[in-house]
PDB file of N, CA and C in Angstrom:
ATOM      1  N   MET A   1     159.938 111.292  57.603  1.00  0.00           N
ATOM      2  CA  MET A   1     158.518 111.281  57.916  1.00  0.00           C
ATOM      3  C   MET A   1     157.693 111.234  56.620  1.00  0.00           C
ATOM      4  N   VAL A   2     158.022 112.080  55.657  1.00  0.00           N
ATOM      5  CA  VAL A   2     157.294 112.103  54.387  1.00  0.00           C
ATOM      6  C   VAL A   2     157.522 110.802  53.625  1.00  0.00           C
ATOM      7  N   MET A   3     158.754 110.300  53.641  1.00  0.00           N
ATOM      8  CA  MET A   3     159.061 109.064  52.916  1.00  0.00           C
ATOM      9  C   MET A   3     158.333 107.879  53.531  1.00  0.00           C
ATOM     10  N   GLU A   4     158.207 107.861  54.849  1.00  0.00           N
ATOM     11  CA  GLU A   4     157.464 106.776  55.504  1.00  0.00           C
ATOM     12  C   GLU A   4     155.989 106.842  55.101  1.00  0.00           C
ATOM     13  N   PHE A   5     155.452 108.049  55.023  1.00  0.00           N
ATOM     14  CA  PHE A   5     154.066 108.225  54.585  1.00  0.00           C
ATOM     15  C   PHE A   5     153.885 107.710  53.157  1.00  0.00           C
ATOM     16  N   LEU A   6     154.842 108.031  52.284  1.00  0.00           N
ATOM     17  CA  LEU A   6     154.780 107.542  50.903  1.00  0.00           C
ATOM     18  C   LEU A   6     154.839 106.018  50.851  1.00  0.00           C
ATOM     19  N   GLN A   7     155.603 105.425  51.761  1.00  0.00           N
ATOM     20  CA  GLN A   7     155.676 103.963  51.797  1.00  0.00           C
ATOM     21  C   GLN A   7     154.321 103.361  52.150  1.00  0.00           C
ATOM     22  N   TYR A   8     153.618 103.972  53.112  1.00  0.00           N
ATOM     23  CA  TYR A   8     152.279 103.490  53.455  1.00  0.00           C
ATOM     24  C   TYR A   8     151.302 103.668  52.286  1.00  0.00           C
ATOM     25  N   ILE A   9     151.431 104.764  51.558  1.00  0.00           N
ATOM     26  CA  ILE A   9     150.594 104.984  50.374  1.00  0.00           C
ATOM     27  C   ILE A   9     150.898 103.894  49.334  1.00  0.00           C
ATOM     28  N   SER A  10     152.172 103.573  49.169  1.00  0.00           N
ATOM     29  CA  SER A  10     152.550 102.513  48.228  1.00  0.00           C
ATOM     30  C   SER A  10     151.944 101.173  48.637  1.00  0.00           C
ATOM     31  N   ILE A  11     151.935 100.889  49.932  1.00  0.00           N
ATOM     32  CA  ILE A  11     151.345  99.642  50.412  1.00  0.00           C
ATOM     33  C   ILE A  11     149.847  99.619  50.107  1.00  0.00           C
ATOM     34  N   LEU A  12     149.172 100.734  50.263  1.00  0.00           N
ATOM     35  CA  LEU A  12     147.742 100.803  49.937  1.00  0.00           C
ATOM     36  C   LEU A  12     147.499 100.581  48.441  1.00  0.00           C
ATOM     37  N   ILE A  13     148.372 101.127  47.611  1.00  0.00           N
ATOM     38  CA  ILE A  13     148.255 100.919  46.166  1.00  0.00           C
ATOM     39  C   ILE A  13     148.495  99.444  45.827  1.00  0.00           C
ATOM     40  N   GLU A  14     149.504  98.847  46.444  1.00  0.00           N
ATOM     41  CA  GLU A  14     149.754  97.414  46.233  1.00  0.00           C
ATOM     42  C   GLU A  14     148.546  96.587  46.660  1.00  0.00           C
ATOM     43  N   LEU A  15     147.938  96.952  47.774  1.00  0.00           N
ATOM     44  CA  LEU A  15     146.745  96.254  48.256  1.00  0.00           C
ATOM     45  C   LEU A  15     145.598  96.391  47.253  1.00  0.00           C
ATOM     46  N   ALA A  16     145.440  97.584  46.694  1.00  0.00           N
ATOM     47  CA  ALA A  16     144.382  97.805  45.695  1.00  0.00           C
ATOM     48  C   ALA A  16     144.610  96.913  44.467  1.00  0.00           C
ATOM     49  N   ILE A  17     145.864  96.770  44.042  1.00  0.00           N
ATOM     50  CA  ILE A  17     146.168  95.921  42.884  1.00  0.00           C
ATOM     51  C   ILE A  17     145.879  94.459  43.219  1.00  0.00           C
ATOM     52  N   ALA A  18     146.218  94.033  44.444  1.00  0.00           N
ATOM     53  CA  ALA A  18     145.916  92.659  44.858  1.00  0.00           C
ATOM     54  C   ALA A  18     144.406  92.414  44.855  1.00  0.00           C
ATOM     55  N   ILE A  19     143.632  93.388  45.314  1.00  0.00           N
ATOM     56  CA  ILE A  19     142.169  93.269  45.309  1.00  0.00           C
ATOM     57  C   ILE A  19     141.643  93.198  43.875  1.00  0.00           C
ATOM     58  N   LEU A  20     142.223  93.988  42.981  1.00  0.00           N
ATOM     59  CA  LEU A  20     141.843  93.898  41.567  1.00  0.00           C
ATOM     60  C   LEU A  20     142.157  92.503  41.012  1.00  0.00           C
ATOM     61  N   GLY A  21     143.248  91.911  41.487  1.00  0.00           N
ATOM     62  CA  GLY A  21     143.565  90.547  41.095  1.00  0.00           C
ATOM     63  C   GLY A  21     142.459  89.586  41.509  1.00  0.00           C
ATOM     64  N   ILE A  22     141.937  89.757  42.724  1.00  0.00           N
ATOM     65  CA  ILE A  22     140.817  88.922  43.185  1.00  0.00           C
ATOM     66  C   ILE A  22     139.597  89.123  42.296  1.00  0.00           C
ATOM     67  N   LEU A  23     139.319  90.366  41.962  1.00  0.00           N
ATOM     68  CA  LEU A  23     138.168  90.650  41.095  1.00  0.00           C
ATOM     69  C   LEU A  23     138.348  90.021  39.714  1.00  0.00           C
ATOM     70  N   MET A  24     139.586  90.009  39.223  1.00  0.00           N
ATOM     71  CA  MET A  24     139.863  89.367  37.933  1.00  0.00           C
ATOM     72  C   MET A  24     139.632  87.860  38.031  1.00  0.00           C
ATOM     73  N   ILE A  25     140.057  87.268  39.137  1.00  0.00           N
ATOM     74  CA  ILE A  25     139.852  85.833  39.341  1.00  0.00           C
ATOM     75  C   ILE A  25     138.364  85.511  39.339  1.00  0.00           C
ATOM     76  N   LEU A  26     137.576  86.355  39.992  1.00  0.00           N
ATOM     77  CA  LEU A  26     136.129  86.139  40.034  1.00  0.00           C
ATOM     78  C   LEU A  26     135.498  86.222  38.652  1.00  0.00           C
ATOM     79  N   ARG A  27     136.157  86.926  37.749  1.00  0.00           N
ATOM     80  CA  ARG A  27     135.682  87.016  36.362  1.00  0.00           C
ATOM     81  C   ARG A  27     136.353  85.984  35.465  1.00  0.00           C
ATOM     82  N   LYS A  28     136.966  84.988  36.103  1.00  0.00           N
ATOM     83  CA  LYS A  28     137.607  83.865  35.384  1.00  0.00           C
ATOM     84  C   LYS A  28     138.793  84.297  34.530  1.00  0.00           C
ATOM     85  N   LYS A  29     139.484  85.352  34.937  1.00  0.00           N
ATOM     86  CA  LYS A  29     140.677  85.803  34.222  1.00  0.00           C
ATOM     87  C   LYS A  29     141.909  85.285  34.966  1.00  0.00           C
ATOM     88  N   VAL A  30     142.632  84.393  34.319  1.00  0.00           N
ATOM     89  CA  VAL A  30     143.755  83.698  34.947  1.00  0.00           C
ATOM     90  C   VAL A  30     144.858  84.666  35.383  1.00  0.00           C
ATOM     91  N   LEU A  31     145.048  85.745  34.650  1.00  0.00           N
ATOM     92  CA  LEU A  31     146.099  86.703  35.013  1.00  0.00           C
ATOM     93  C   LEU A  31     145.885  87.284  36.408  1.00  0.00           C
ATOM     94  N   GLY A  32     144.667  87.239  36.897  1.00  0.00           N
ATOM     95  CA  GLY A  32     144.370  87.755  38.235  1.00  0.00           C
ATOM     96  C   GLY A  32     145.184  87.071  39.311  1.00  0.00           C
ATOM     97  N   TRP A  33     145.473  85.768  39.127  1.00  0.00           N
ATOM     98  CA  TRP A  33     146.264  85.040  40.108  1.00  0.00           C
ATOM     99  C   TRP A  33     147.664  85.632  40.246  1.00  0.00           C
ATOM    100  N   SER A  34     148.272  85.996  39.139  1.00  0.00           N
ATOM    101  CA  SER A  34     149.617  86.586  39.206  1.00  0.00           C
ATOM    102  C   SER A  34     149.590  87.939  39.896  1.00  0.00           C
ATOM    103  N   PHE A  35     148.576  88.741  39.602  1.00  0.00           N
ATOM    104  CA  PHE A  35     148.447  90.029  40.293  1.00  0.00           C
ATOM    105  C   PHE A  35     148.264  89.818  41.792  1.00  0.00           C
ATOM    106  N   LEU A  36     147.391  88.888  42.152  1.00  0.00           N
ATOM    107  CA  LEU A  36     147.123  88.632  43.571  1.00  0.00           C
ATOM    108  C   LEU A  36     148.374  88.135  44.285  1.00  0.00           C
ATOM    109  N   ILE A  37     149.053  87.160  43.717  1.00  0.00           N
ATOM    110  CA  ILE A  37     150.251  86.609  44.359  1.00  0.00           C
ATOM    111  C   ILE A  37     151.340  87.675  44.480  1.00  0.00           C
ATOM    112  N   THR A  38     151.644  88.328  43.360  1.00  0.00           N
ATOM    113  CA  THR A  38     152.714  89.321  43.358  1.00  0.00           C
ATOM    114  C   THR A  38     152.453  90.440  44.355  1.00  0.00           C
ATOM    115  N   PHE A  39     151.312  91.097  44.218  1.00  0.00           N
ATOM    116  CA  PHE A  39     151.078  92.281  45.037  1.00  0.00           C
ATOM    117  C   PHE A  39     150.632  91.946  46.456  1.00  0.00           C
ATOM    118  N   GLY A  40     150.022  90.781  46.637  1.00  0.00           N
ATOM    119  CA  GLY A  40     149.717  90.340  48.002  1.00  0.00           C
ATOM    120  C   GLY A  40     150.997  90.136  48.803  1.00  0.00           C
ATOM    121  N   ILE A  41     151.995  89.504  48.171  1.00  0.00           N
ATOM    122  CA  ILE A  41     153.285  89.313  48.839  1.00  0.00           C
ATOM    123  C   ILE A  41     153.997  90.644  49.034  1.00  0.00           C
ATOM    124  N   TYR A  42     153.921  91.543  48.057  1.00  0.00           N
ATOM    125  CA  TYR A  42     154.537  92.859  48.231  1.00  0.00           C
ATOM    126  C   TYR A  42     153.946  93.585  49.436  1.00  0.00           C
ATOM    127  N   VAL A  43     152.636  93.494  49.617  1.00  0.00           N
ATOM    128  CA  VAL A  43     151.998  94.133  50.776  1.00  0.00           C
ATOM    129  C   VAL A  43     152.572  93.542  52.061  1.00  0.00           C
ATOM    130  N   PHE A  44     152.589  92.209  52.129  1.00  0.00           N
ATOM    131  CA  PHE A  44     153.123  91.531  53.316  1.00  0.00           C
ATOM    132  C   PHE A  44     154.573  91.930  53.568  1.00  0.00           C
ATOM    133  N   TYR A  45     155.403  91.863  52.539  1.00  0.00           N
ATOM    134  CA  TYR A  45     156.832  92.154  52.645  1.00  0.00           C
ATOM    135  C   TYR A  45     157.067  93.601  53.082  1.00  0.00           C
ATOM    136  N   ASP A  46     156.458  94.538  52.373  1.00  0.00           N
ATOM    137  CA  ASP A  46     156.664  95.956  52.682  1.00  0.00           C
ATOM    138  C   ASP A  46     156.148  96.320  54.067  1.00  0.00           C
ATOM    139  N   PHE A  47     154.974  95.803  54.422  1.00  0.00           N
ATOM    140  CA  PHE A  47     154.405  96.102  55.737  1.00  0.00           C
ATOM    141  C   PHE A  47     155.289  95.536  56.850  1.00  0.00           C
ATOM    142  N   ALA A  48     155.773  94.312  56.665  1.00  0.00           N
ATOM    143  CA  ALA A  48     156.634  93.687  57.671  1.00  0.00           C
ATOM    144  C   ALA A  48     157.942  94.462  57.835  1.00  0.00           C
ATOM    145  N   LYS A  49     158.562  94.838  56.725  1.00  0.00           N
ATOM    146  CA  LYS A  49     159.820  95.583  56.787  1.00  0.00           C
ATOM    147  C   LYS A  49     159.624  96.969  57.396  1.00  0.00           C
ATOM    148  N   LEU A  50     158.561  97.653  56.999  1.00  0.00           N
ATOM    149  CA  LEU A  50     158.318  99.012  57.474  1.00  0.00           C
ATOM    150  C   LEU A  50     158.020  99.048  58.970  1.00  0.00           C
ATOM    151  N   ASN A  51     157.328  98.046  59.461  1.00  0.00           N
ATOM    152  CA  ASN A  51     156.929  98.033  60.865  1.00  0.00           C
ATOM    153  C   ASN A  51     157.859  97.211  61.750  1.00  0.00           C
ATOM    154  N   GLY A  52     158.931  96.718  61.182  1.00  0.00           N
ATOM    155  CA  GLY A  52     159.913  95.986  61.967  1.00  0.00           C
ATOM    156  C   GLY A  52     159.366  94.722  62.610  1.00  0.00           C
ATOM    157  N   LEU A  53     158.446  94.063  61.921  1.00  0.00           N
ATOM    158  CA  LEU A  53     157.877  92.833  62.461  1.00  0.00           C
ATOM    159  C   LEU A  53     158.966  91.761  62.547  1.00  0.00           C
ATOM    160  N   THR A  54     158.895  90.956  63.574  1.00  0.00           N
ATOM    161  CA  THR A  54     159.909  89.920  63.762  1.00  0.00           C
ATOM    162  C   THR A  54     159.529  88.669  62.984  1.00  0.00           C
ATOM    163  N   ILE A  55     159.824  88.733  61.710  1.00  0.00           N
ATOM    164  CA  ILE A  55     159.587  87.609  60.805  1.00  0.00           C
ATOM    165  C   ILE A  55     160.955  87.168  60.305  1.00  0.00           C
ATOM    166  N   ASN A  56     161.160  85.874  60.277  1.00  0.00           N
ATOM    167  CA  ASN A  56     162.422  85.318  59.827  1.00  0.00           C
ATOM    168  C   ASN A  56     162.797  85.939  58.477  1.00  0.00           C
ATOM    169  N   ALA A  57     164.034  86.424  58.388  1.00  0.00           N
ATOM    170  CA  ALA A  57     164.494  87.077  57.156  1.00  0.00           C
ATOM    171  C   ALA A  57     164.419  86.139  55.964  1.00  0.00           C
ATOM    172  N   ASP A  58     164.678  84.857  56.176  1.00  0.00           N
ATOM    173  CA  ASP A  58     164.602  83.894  55.070  1.00  0.00           C
ATOM    174  C   ASP A  58     163.185  83.824  54.497  1.00  0.00           C
ATOM    175  N   ILE A  59     162.185  83.907  55.357  1.00  0.00           N
ATOM    176  CA  ILE A  59     160.789  83.897  54.899  1.00  0.00           C
ATOM    177  C   ILE A  59     160.507  85.141  54.065  1.00  0.00           C
ATOM    178  N   LEU A  60     160.991  86.292  54.523  1.00  0.00           N
ATOM    179  CA  LEU A  60     160.788  87.527  53.763  1.00  0.00           C
ATOM    180  C   LEU A  60     161.479  87.462  52.407  1.00  0.00           C
ATOM    181  N   TYR A  61     162.709  86.990  52.379  1.00  0.00           N
ATOM    182  CA  TYR A  61     163.450  86.927  51.120  1.00  0.00           C
ATOM    183  C   TYR A  61     162.813  85.923  50.152  1.00  0.00           C
ATOM    184  N   PHE A  62     162.401  84.767  50.685  1.00  0.00           N
ATOM    185  CA  PHE A  62     161.766  83.765  49.845  1.00  0.00           C
ATOM    186  C   PHE A  62     160.436  84.281  49.288  1.00  0.00           C
ATOM    187  N   SER A  63     159.655  84.961  50.128  1.00  0.00           N
ATOM    188  CA  SER A  63     158.368  85.489  49.663  1.00  0.00           C
ATOM    189  C   SER A  63     158.586  86.555  48.590  1.00  0.00           C
ATOM    190  N   PHE A  64     159.618  87.377  48.755  1.00  0.00           N
ATOM    191  CA  PHE A  64     159.918  88.386  47.746  1.00  0.00           C
ATOM    192  C   PHE A  64     160.333  87.720  46.442  1.00  0.00           C
ATOM    193  N   PHE A  65     161.091  86.618  46.521  1.00  0.00           N
ATOM    194  CA  PHE A  65     161.474  85.865  45.330  1.00  0.00           C
ATOM    195  C   PHE A  65     160.244  85.327  44.612  1.00  0.00           C
ATOM    196  N   ILE A  66     159.297  84.758  45.359  1.00  0.00           N
ATOM    197  CA  ILE A  66     158.067  84.224  44.768  1.00  0.00           C
ATOM    198  C   ILE A  66     157.286  85.347  44.093  1.00  0.00           C
ATOM    199  N   ALA A  67     157.221  86.512  44.731  1.00  0.00           N
ATOM    200  CA  ALA A  67     156.513  87.650  44.136  1.00  0.00           C
ATOM    201  C   ALA A  67     157.169  88.078  42.828  1.00  0.00           C
ATOM    202  N   THR A  68     158.487  88.111  42.813  1.00  0.00           N
ATOM    203  CA  THR A  68     159.208  88.509  41.608  1.00  0.00           C
ATOM    204  C   THR A  68     159.012  87.488  40.496  1.00  0.00           C
ATOM    205  N   LEU A  69     159.040  86.207  40.840  1.00  0.00           N
ATOM    206  CA  LEU A  69     158.784  85.152  39.871  1.00  0.00           C
ATOM    207  C   LEU A  69     157.364  85.265  39.311  1.00  0.00           C
ATOM    208  N   SER A  70     156.405  85.547  40.171  1.00  0.00           N
ATOM    209  CA  SER A  70     155.024  85.727  39.739  1.00  0.00           C
ATOM    210  C   SER A  70     154.901  86.913  38.780  1.00  0.00           C
ATOM    211  N   ALA A  71     155.623  87.986  39.067  1.00  0.00           N
ATOM    212  CA  ALA A  71     155.603  89.156  38.174  1.00  0.00           C
ATOM    213  C   ALA A  71     156.196  88.811  36.816  1.00  0.00           C
ATOM    214  N   LEU A  72     157.255  88.004  36.807  1.00  0.00           N
ATOM    215  CA  LEU A  72     157.850  87.568  35.540  1.00  0.00           C
ATOM    216  C   LEU A  72     156.857  86.741  34.735  1.00  0.00           C
ATOM    217  N   ILE A  73     156.154  85.833  35.389  1.00  0.00           N
ATOM    218  CA  ILE A  73     155.142  85.017  34.715  1.00  0.00           C
ATOM    219  C   ILE A  73     154.032  85.902  34.156  1.00  0.00           C
ATOM    220  N   LEU A  74     153.612  86.872  34.940  1.00  0.00           N
ATOM    221  CA  LEU A  74     152.579  87.811  34.492  1.00  0.00           C
ATOM    222  C   LEU A  74     153.043  88.568  33.251  1.00  0.00           C
ATOM    223  N   ALA A  75     154.267  89.093  33.302  1.00  0.00           N
ATOM    224  CA  ALA A  75     154.795  89.843  32.152  1.00  0.00           C
ATOM    225  C   ALA A  75     154.875  88.951  30.918  1.00  0.00           C
ATOM    226  N   TRP A  76     155.316  87.707  31.096  1.00  0.00           N
ATOM    227  CA  TRP A  76     155.418  86.777  29.970  1.00  0.00           C
ATOM    228  C   TRP A  76     154.044  86.497  29.378  1.00  0.00           C
ATOM    229  N   ARG A  77     153.033  86.286  30.242  1.00  0.00           N
ATOM    230  CA  ARG A  77     151.676  86.010  29.745  1.00  0.00           C
ATOM    231  C   ARG A  77     151.102  87.209  28.988  1.00  0.00           C
ATOM    232  N   VAL A  78     151.346  88.391  29.487  1.00  0.00           N
ATOM    233  CA  VAL A  78     150.859  89.601  28.812  1.00  0.00           C
ATOM    234  C   VAL A  78     151.577  89.764  27.471  1.00  0.00           C
ATOM    235  N   TYR A  79     152.863  89.527  27.456  1.00  0.00           N
ATOM    236  CA  TYR A  79     153.652  89.632  26.230  1.00  0.00           C
ATOM    237  C   TYR A  79     153.143  88.660  25.162  1.00  0.00           C
ATOM    238  N   ARG A  80     152.828  87.434  25.557  1.00  0.00           N
ATOM    239  CA  ARG A  80     152.405  86.407  24.615  1.00  0.00           C
ATOM    240  C   ARG A  80     150.970  86.584  24.154  1.00  0.00           C
ATOM    241  N   LYS A  81     150.184  87.351  24.894  1.00  0.00           N
ATOM    242  CA  LYS A  81     148.770  87.532  24.554  1.00  0.00           C
ATOM    243  C   LYS A  81     148.663  88.336  23.253  1.00  0.00           C
ATOM    244  N   LYS A  82     147.741  87.904  22.407  1.00  0.00           N
ATOM    245  CA  LYS A  82     147.583  88.596  21.113  1.00  0.00           C
ATOM    246  C   LYS A  82     146.391  89.515  21.134  1.00  0.00           C
TER     247      LYS A  82
END
């Protein structure tokens, strides 16, 4: 019960980061796209898994892969920034 509650809190935090990504995009900051893609997909993935939504497993796995790739791109861009 407590762990499920923590999972919902994590989803809310992921949603907040995705919203911050949108705000960054509105300020013309390209890194915002990576935040939005990564954490937007994490919200979708975690919410679907937690609530047992009937979504094709291949779609969930592929979306998680895209989110992970987006996070790698984000990390690389931050690393290269001076």
